[in-house]
C-alpha atoms as a PDB file:
ATOM      1  CA  MET A   1      37.764 -71.637  37.227  1.00  0.00           C
ATOM      2  CA  PHE A   2      35.048 -73.737  38.905  1.00  0.00           C
ATOM      3  CA  SER A   3      35.613 -75.246  42.293  1.00  0.00           C
ATOM      4  CA  GLY A   4      34.110 -78.329  43.820  1.00  0.00           C
ATOM      5  CA  SER A   5      30.929 -80.139  42.884  1.00  0.00           C
ATOM      6  CA  ASN A   6      28.951 -76.900  42.374  1.00  0.00           C
ATOM      7  CA  GLY A   7      31.332 -75.890  39.590  1.00  0.00           C
ATOM      8  CA  ILE A   8      30.921 -79.265  37.874  1.00  0.00           C
ATOM      9  CA  LYS A   9      27.133 -79.048  38.246  1.00  0.00           C
ATOM     10  CA  ASN A  10      27.161 -75.585  36.661  1.00  0.00           C
ATOM     11  CA  VAL A  11      29.205 -76.799  33.696  1.00  0.00           C
ATOM     12  CA  LYS A  12      26.900 -79.809  33.216  1.00  0.00           C
ATOM     13  CA  LYS A  13      23.819 -77.586  33.414  1.00  0.00           C
ATOM     14  CA  LYS A  14      25.241 -75.138  30.867  1.00  0.00           C
ATOM     15  CA  TYR A  15      26.115 -78.065  28.557  1.00  0.00           C
ATOM     16  CA  MET A  16      22.632 -79.602  28.861  1.00  0.00           C
ATOM     17  CA  ASP A  17      20.974 -76.224  28.238  1.00  0.00           C
ATOM     18  CA  SER A  18      23.092 -75.782  25.100  1.00  0.00           C
ATOM     19  CA  MET A  19      22.153 -79.270  23.885  1.00  0.00           C
ATOM     20  CA  LYS A  20      18.441 -78.502  24.394  1.00  0.00           C
ATOM     21  CA  THR A  21      18.810 -75.350  22.315  1.00  0.00           C
ATOM     22  CA  LEU A  22      20.576 -77.255  19.523  1.00  0.00           C
ATOM     23  CA  ARG A  23      17.835 -79.920  19.508  1.00  0.00           C
ATOM     24  CA  LEU A  24      15.307 -77.246  18.563  1.00  0.00           C
ATOM     25  CA  TYR A  25      16.960 -77.112  15.143  1.00  0.00           C
ATOM     26  CA  TRP A  26      16.871 -80.888  14.617  1.00  0.00           C
ATOM     27  CA  PRO A  27      14.189 -82.430  12.373  1.00  0.00           C
ATOM     28  CA  LYS A  28      11.006 -83.522  14.075  1.00  0.00           C
ATOM     29  CA  GLY A  29      10.537 -86.195  11.420  1.00  0.00           C
ATOM     30  CA  TYR A  30      11.471 -87.431   7.988  1.00  0.00           C
ATOM     31  CA  ILE A  31       9.730 -87.625   4.643  1.00  0.00           C
ATOM     32  CA  THR A  32      10.212 -90.190   1.910  1.00  0.00           C
ATOM     33  CA  ILE A  33      11.790 -89.326  -1.398  1.00  0.00           C
ATOM     34  CA  GLU A  34       8.413 -90.305  -2.857  1.00  0.00           C
ATOM     35  CA  ASP A  35       6.876 -87.449  -0.827  1.00  0.00           C
ATOM     36  CA  LEU A  36       9.496 -85.134  -2.323  1.00  0.00           C
ATOM     37  CA  SER A  37       8.579 -86.260  -5.820  1.00  0.00           C
ATOM     38  CA  LYS A  38       4.969 -85.268  -5.055  1.00  0.00           C
ATOM     39  CA  GLY A  39       5.987 -81.754  -4.053  1.00  0.00           C
ATOM     40  CA  VAL A  40       6.441 -81.941  -0.272  1.00  0.00           C
ATOM     41  CA  MET A  41       9.394 -79.569   0.067  1.00  0.00           C
ATOM     42  CA  SER A  42       9.731 -79.050   3.827  1.00  0.00           C
ATOM     43  CA  ILE A  43       9.862 -80.698   7.215  1.00  0.00           C
ATOM     44  CA  GLN A  44       9.150 -79.365  10.656  1.00  0.00           C
ATOM     45  CA  LEU A  45      11.902 -78.810  13.209  1.00  0.00           C
ATOM     46  CA  HIS A  46      11.529 -79.376  16.952  1.00  0.00           C
ATOM     47  CA  SER A  47      11.309 -75.587  17.307  1.00  0.00           C
ATOM     48  CA  GLY A  48       8.069 -75.665  15.303  1.00  0.00           C
ATOM     49  CA  GLU A  49       9.685 -73.850  12.367  1.00  0.00           C
ATOM     50  CA  ASP A  50       9.688 -75.297   8.871  1.00  0.00           C
ATOM     51  CA  HIS A  51      12.891 -76.208   7.052  1.00  0.00           C
ATOM     52  CA  PHE A  52      12.618 -75.972   3.269  1.00  0.00           C
ATOM     53  CA  PHE A  53      14.625 -78.090   0.848  1.00  0.00           C
ATOM     54  CA  ASP A  54      16.384 -76.491  -2.096  1.00  0.00           C
ATOM     55  CA  GLU A  55      14.509 -77.239  -5.347  1.00  0.00           C
ATOM     56  CA  GLU A  56      17.671 -77.814  -7.395  1.00  0.00           C
ATOM     57  CA  GLU A  57      19.032 -80.232  -4.783  1.00  0.00           C
ATOM     58  CA  VAL A  58      15.714 -82.097  -4.801  1.00  0.00           C
ATOM     59  CA  ARG A  59      15.807 -82.376  -8.612  1.00  0.00           C
ATOM     60  CA  ARG A  60      19.379 -83.683  -8.399  1.00  0.00           C
ATOM     61  CA  LEU A  61      18.384 -86.216  -5.724  1.00  0.00           C
ATOM     62  CA  LEU A  62      15.381 -87.437  -7.725  1.00  0.00           C
ATOM     63  CA  SER A  63      17.564 -87.932 -10.797  1.00  0.00           C
ATOM     64  CA  LEU A  64      20.174 -89.950  -8.870  1.00  0.00           C
ATOM     65  CA  VAL A  65      17.907 -92.243  -6.846  1.00  0.00           C
ATOM     66  CA  PRO A  66      16.019 -94.963  -8.750  1.00  0.00           C
ATOM     67  CA  SER A  67      12.258 -94.438  -8.380  1.00  0.00           C
ATOM     68  CA  TYR A  68      11.759 -97.949  -6.982  1.00  0.00           C
ATOM     69  CA  PHE A  69      13.685 -96.807  -3.860  1.00  0.00           C
ATOM     70  CA  TRP A  70      11.709 -93.595  -3.318  1.00  0.00           C
ATOM     71  CA  LYS A  71       9.225 -95.055  -0.835  1.00  0.00           C
ATOM     72  CA  PHE A  72      12.007 -96.574   1.315  1.00  0.00           C
ATOM     73  CA  MET A  73      14.587 -93.772   1.450  1.00  0.00           C
ATOM     74  CA  LYS A  74      13.936 -90.754   3.631  1.00  0.00           C
ATOM     75  CA  ILE A  75      15.281 -87.293   4.052  1.00  0.00           C
ATOM     76  CA  PRO A  76      16.748 -85.323   5.603  1.00  0.00           C
ATOM     77  CA  ILE A  77      19.986 -87.235   5.849  1.00  0.00           C
ATOM     78  CA  THR A  78      21.065 -87.049   9.474  1.00  0.00           C
ATOM     79  CA  LEU A  79      24.676 -87.400  10.517  1.00  0.00           C
ATOM     80  CA  ARG A  80      26.480 -87.399  13.860  1.00  0.00           C
ATOM     81  CA  TYR A  81      29.912 -85.779  14.001  1.00  0.00           C
ATOM     82  CA  SER A  82      32.445 -87.474  16.239  1.00  0.00           C
ATOM     83  CA  ARG A  83      36.159 -87.991  16.834  1.00  0.00           C
ATOM     84  CA  ASP A  84      37.920 -91.220  17.666  1.00  0.00           C
ATOM     85  CA  ASN A  85      40.609 -91.633  20.343  1.00  0.00           C
ATOM     86  CA  ASP A  86      43.289 -90.580  17.857  1.00  0.00           C
ATOM     87  CA  GLY A  87      41.446 -87.324  17.088  1.00  0.00           C
ATOM     88  CA  ARG A  88      40.251 -88.450  13.634  1.00  0.00           C
ATOM     89  CA  ALA A  89      36.985 -86.743  12.703  1.00  0.00           C
ATOM     90  CA  TYR A  90      34.185 -88.759  11.094  1.00  0.00           C
ATOM     91  CA  TYR A  91      30.423 -88.645  10.540  1.00  0.00           C
ATOM     92  CA  MET A  92      28.074 -91.508  11.392  1.00  0.00           C
ATOM     93  CA  VAL A  93      24.877 -91.924   9.398  1.00  0.00           C
ATOM     94  CA  VAL A  94      21.928 -91.777  11.784  1.00  0.00           C
ATOM     95  CA  GLY A  95      19.139 -94.032  10.623  1.00  0.00           C
ATOM     96  CA  ASP A  96      18.389 -97.384   9.098  1.00  0.00           C
ATOM     97  CA  VAL A  97      19.991 -99.300   6.253  1.00  0.00           C
ATOM     98  CA  TRP A  98      17.974 -97.291   3.712  1.00  0.00           C
ATOM     99  CA  GLN A  99      19.540 -94.065   4.979  1.00  0.00           C
ATOM    100  CA  LYS A 100      22.960 -95.674   4.670  1.00  0.00           C
ATOM    101  CA  ARG A 101      22.216 -96.879   1.151  1.00  0.00           C
ATOM    102  CA  LEU A 102      21.012 -93.403   0.190  1.00  0.00           C
ATOM    103  CA  VAL A 103      24.247 -91.844   1.422  1.00  0.00           C
ATOM    104  CA  GLU A 104      26.319 -94.406  -0.473  1.00  0.00           C
ATOM    105  CA  LEU A 105      24.272 -93.843  -3.616  1.00  0.00           C
ATOM    106  CA  LEU A 106      24.761 -90.078  -3.409  1.00  0.00           C
ATOM    107  CA  LEU A 107      28.500 -90.435  -2.817  1.00  0.00           C
ATOM    108  CA  SER A 108      29.393 -93.163  -5.291  1.00  0.00           C
ATOM    109  CA  GLY A 109      26.431 -93.565  -7.637  1.00  0.00           C
ATOM    110  CA  ASP A 110      26.001 -97.147  -6.431  1.00  0.00           C
ATOM    111  CA  TYR A 111      24.941 -98.901  -3.229  1.00  0.00           C
ATOM    112  CA  GLY A 112      25.795-102.050  -1.328  1.00  0.00           C
ATOM    113  CA  PHE A 113      23.718-104.304   0.869  1.00  0.00           C
ATOM    114  CA  ASN A 114      24.519-102.368   4.062  1.00  0.00           C
ATOM    115  CA  GLY A 115      25.198 -98.924   2.607  1.00  0.00           C
ATOM    116  CA  ILE A 116      27.706 -96.580   4.249  1.00  0.00           C
ATOM    117  CA  SER A 117      27.562 -96.016   7.995  1.00  0.00           C
ATOM    118  CA  GLU A 118      30.613 -93.795   8.409  1.00  0.00           C
ATOM    119  CA  LEU A 119      31.805 -90.873   6.311  1.00  0.00           C
ATOM    120  CA  THR A 120      35.245 -89.334   6.252  1.00  0.00           C
ATOM    121  CA  THR A 121      35.540 -85.575   6.355  1.00  0.00           C
ATOM    122  CA  GLY A 122      36.140 -85.647   2.588  1.00  0.00           C
ATOM    123  CA  ASP A 123      32.995 -87.726   2.015  1.00  0.00           C
ATOM    124  CA  PHE A 124      31.022 -85.299   4.170  1.00  0.00           C
ATOM    125  CA  ILE A 125      32.268 -82.280   2.226  1.00  0.00           C
ATOM    126  CA  GLY A 126      31.419 -84.041  -1.048  1.00  0.00           C
ATOM    127  CA  ILE A 127      27.844 -84.786  -0.067  1.00  0.00           C
ATOM    128  CA  LEU A 128      27.383 -81.389   1.601  1.00  0.00           C
ATOM    129  CA  ARG A 129      28.555 -79.604  -1.540  1.00  0.00           C
ATOM    130  CA  ASN A 130      25.645 -81.071  -3.510  1.00  0.00           C
ATOM    131  CA  PHE A 131      22.894 -81.518  -0.899  1.00  0.00           C
ATOM    132  CA  LYS A 132      23.343 -78.972   1.910  1.00  0.00           C
ATOM    133  CA  SER A 133      19.623 -78.374   2.470  1.00  0.00           C
ATOM    134  CA  LEU A 134      18.991 -82.130   2.785  1.00  0.00           C
ATOM    135  CA  ILE A 135      21.555 -82.776   5.555  1.00  0.00           C
ATOM    136  CA  PHE A 136      21.491 -82.210   9.307  1.00  0.00           C
ATOM    137  CA  VAL A 137      24.523 -82.777  11.533  1.00  0.00           C
ATOM    138  CA  THR A 138      24.658 -83.199  15.278  1.00  0.00           C
ATOM    139  CA  ILE A 139      27.583 -83.766  17.609  1.00  0.00           C
ATOM    140  CA  THR A 140      28.259 -86.671  19.933  1.00  0.00           C
ATOM    141  CA  ALA A 141      26.993 -85.889  23.391  1.00  0.00           C
END
Protein backbone atom coordinates (compact mmCIF):
# COMPACT_ATOMS: atom_id res chain seq x y z
CA MET A 1 0.00 0.00 0.00
CA PHE A 2 2.65 2.54 1.06
CA SER A 3 6.23 2.11 0.03
CA GLY A 4 9.37 3.30 1.72
CA SER A 5 9.80 6.06 4.26
CA ASN A 6 7.40 8.43 2.45
CA GLY A 7 4.57 5.95 2.96
CA ILE A 8 5.35 5.68 6.68
CA LYS A 9 5.54 9.47 6.96
CA ASN A 10 2.14 9.79 5.28
CA VAL A 11 0.56 7.29 7.67
CA LYS A 12 2.09 9.07 10.69
CA LYS A 13 0.89 12.45 9.42
CA LYS A 14 -2.64 11.14 8.85
CA TYR A 15 -2.62 9.61 12.36
CA MET A 16 -1.39 12.84 13.98
CA ASP A 17 -3.97 14.91 12.07
CA SER A 18 -6.72 12.56 13.29
CA MET A 19 -5.48 12.85 16.88
CA LYS A 20 -5.52 16.66 16.64
CA THR A 21 -9.12 16.55 15.44
CA LEU A 22 -10.12 14.24 18.31
CA ARG A 23 -8.44 16.54 20.85
CA LEU A 24 -10.82 19.33 19.84
CA TYR A 25 -13.59 17.36 21.55
CA TRP A 26 -11.64 16.84 24.78
CA PRO A 27 -12.40 19.02 27.83
CA LYS A 28 -10.36 22.17 28.19
CA GLY A 29 -10.75 21.96 31.96
CA TYR A 30 -12.67 20.50 34.85
CA ILE A 31 -15.14 21.84 37.38
CA THR A 32 -15.68 20.71 40.94
CA ILE A 33 -18.82 18.94 42.03
CA GLU A 34 -19.31 21.96 44.29
CA ASP A 35 -19.49 24.10 41.13
CA LEU A 36 -22.13 21.71 39.80
CA SER A 37 -24.15 22.09 42.99
CA LYS A 38 -24.13 25.86 42.40
CA GLY A 39 -25.56 25.48 38.91
CA VAL A 40 -22.49 25.40 36.64
CA MET A 41 -23.74 22.88 34.08
CA SER A 42 -21.14 23.01 31.30
CA ILE A 43 -17.46 23.00 30.46
CA GLN A 44 -15.60 24.25 27.44
CA LEU A 45 -13.99 21.89 24.95
CA HIS A 46 -10.71 22.56 23.14
CA SER A 47 -12.79 23.37 20.06
CA GLY A 48 -14.28 26.34 21.93
CA GLU A 49 -17.72 24.71 22.06
CA ASP A 50 -19.54 24.13 25.33
CA HIS A 51 -20.43 20.66 26.57
CA PHE A 52 -23.53 20.57 28.77
CA PHE A 53 -24.12 18.03 31.53
CA ASP A 54 -27.43 16.23 31.80
CA GLU A 55 -29.48 17.63 34.71
CA GLU A 56 -30.76 14.22 35.85
CA GLU A 57 -27.22 12.80 35.85
CA VAL A 58 -26.03 15.78 37.88
CA ARG A 59 -28.83 15.26 40.43
CA ARG A 60 -27.89 11.57 40.66
CA LEU A 61 -24.21 12.46 41.13
CA LEU A 62 -24.97 15.02 43.84
CA SER A 63 -27.09 12.48 45.72
CA LEU A 64 -24.35 9.82 45.61
CA VAL A 65 -21.31 11.92 46.53
CA PRO A 66 -21.08 13.18 50.13
CA SER A 67 -21.08 17.00 50.17
CA TYR A 68 -17.79 17.12 52.09
CA PHE A 69 -16.08 15.72 48.95
CA TRP A 70 -17.65 18.19 46.50
CA LYS A 71 -14.77 20.68 46.54
CA PHE A 72 -12.17 17.94 45.88
CA MET A 73 -13.85 15.83 43.19
CA LYS A 74 -14.02 17.14 39.64
CA ILE A 75 -15.87 16.37 36.49
CA PRO A 76 -15.91 15.37 33.76
CA ILE A 77 -14.55 11.93 34.49
CA THR A 78 -11.85 11.28 31.92
CA LEU A 79 -10.86 7.78 30.90
CA ARG A 80 -8.27 6.35 28.51
CA TYR A 81 -9.21 3.23 26.57
CA SER A 82 -6.43 0.72 26.03
CA ARG A 83 -5.68 -2.94 25.40
CA ASP A 84 -3.04 -5.06 27.04
CA ASN A 85 -0.72 -7.49 25.23
CA ASP A 86 -3.34 -10.23 25.47
CA GLY A 87 -5.96 -8.02 23.78
CA ARG A 88 -7.94 -7.37 26.98
CA ALA A 89 -9.70 -4.00 26.84
CA TYR A 90 -9.66 -1.71 29.88
CA TYR A 91 -10.13 1.95 30.81
CA MET A 92 -7.65 3.93 32.90
CA VAL A 93 -8.91 6.80 35.02
CA VAL A 94 -7.10 9.97 33.97
CA GLY A 95 -6.57 12.26 36.91
CA ASP A 96 -5.66 12.35 40.56
CA VAL A 97 -6.70 10.20 43.49
CA TRP A 98 -9.92 12.21 43.88
CA GLN A 99 -10.96 11.28 40.34
CA LYS A 100 -10.23 7.65 41.15
CA ARG A 101 -12.22 7.83 44.38
CA LEU A 102 -15.13 9.43 42.52
CA VAL A 103 -15.18 6.60 39.99
CA GLU A 104 -15.08 3.99 42.75
CA LEU A 105 -17.86 5.76 44.62
CA LEU A 106 -20.06 5.86 41.52
CA LEU A 107 -19.41 2.19 40.76
CA SER A 108 -19.65 0.65 44.21
CA GLY A 109 -21.20 3.26 46.50
CA ASP A 110 -18.01 3.28 48.58
CA TYR A 111 -14.41 4.40 48.14
CA GLY A 112 -10.96 3.30 49.23
CA PHE A 113 -7.82 5.24 49.98
CA ASN A 114 -6.54 5.07 46.38
CA GLY A 115 -9.84 4.75 44.52
CA ILE A 116 -10.05 2.80 41.26
CA SER A 117 -7.47 3.41 38.54
CA GLU A 118 -8.57 0.78 36.03
CA LEU A 119 -12.05 -0.18 34.87
CA THR A 120 -13.09 -3.34 33.11
CA THR A 121 -15.37 -3.07 30.11
CA GLY A 122 -18.27 -4.06 32.38
CA ASP A 123 -17.38 -1.33 34.89
CA PHE A 124 -17.20 1.19 32.06
CA ILE A 125 -20.61 0.20 30.72
CA GLY A 126 -22.06 0.44 34.24
CA ILE A 127 -20.79 3.95 34.85
CA LEU A 128 -21.60 5.08 31.30
CA ARG A 129 -25.18 3.86 31.66
CA ASN A 130 -25.77 6.30 34.52
CA PHE A 131 -23.43 9.21 33.74
CA LYS A 132 -22.83 9.44 29.98
CA SER A 133 -22.73 13.24 29.85
CA LEU A 134 -20.13 13.34 32.64
CA ILE A 135 -17.59 11.02 30.97
CA PHE A 136 -15.01 11.55 28.24
CA VAL A 137 -12.95 8.72 26.76
CA THR A 138 -9.77 8.91 24.75
CA ILE A 139 -7.63 6.19 23.22
CA THR A 140 -4.00 5.34 23.89
CA ALA A 141 -1.78 7.06 21.39
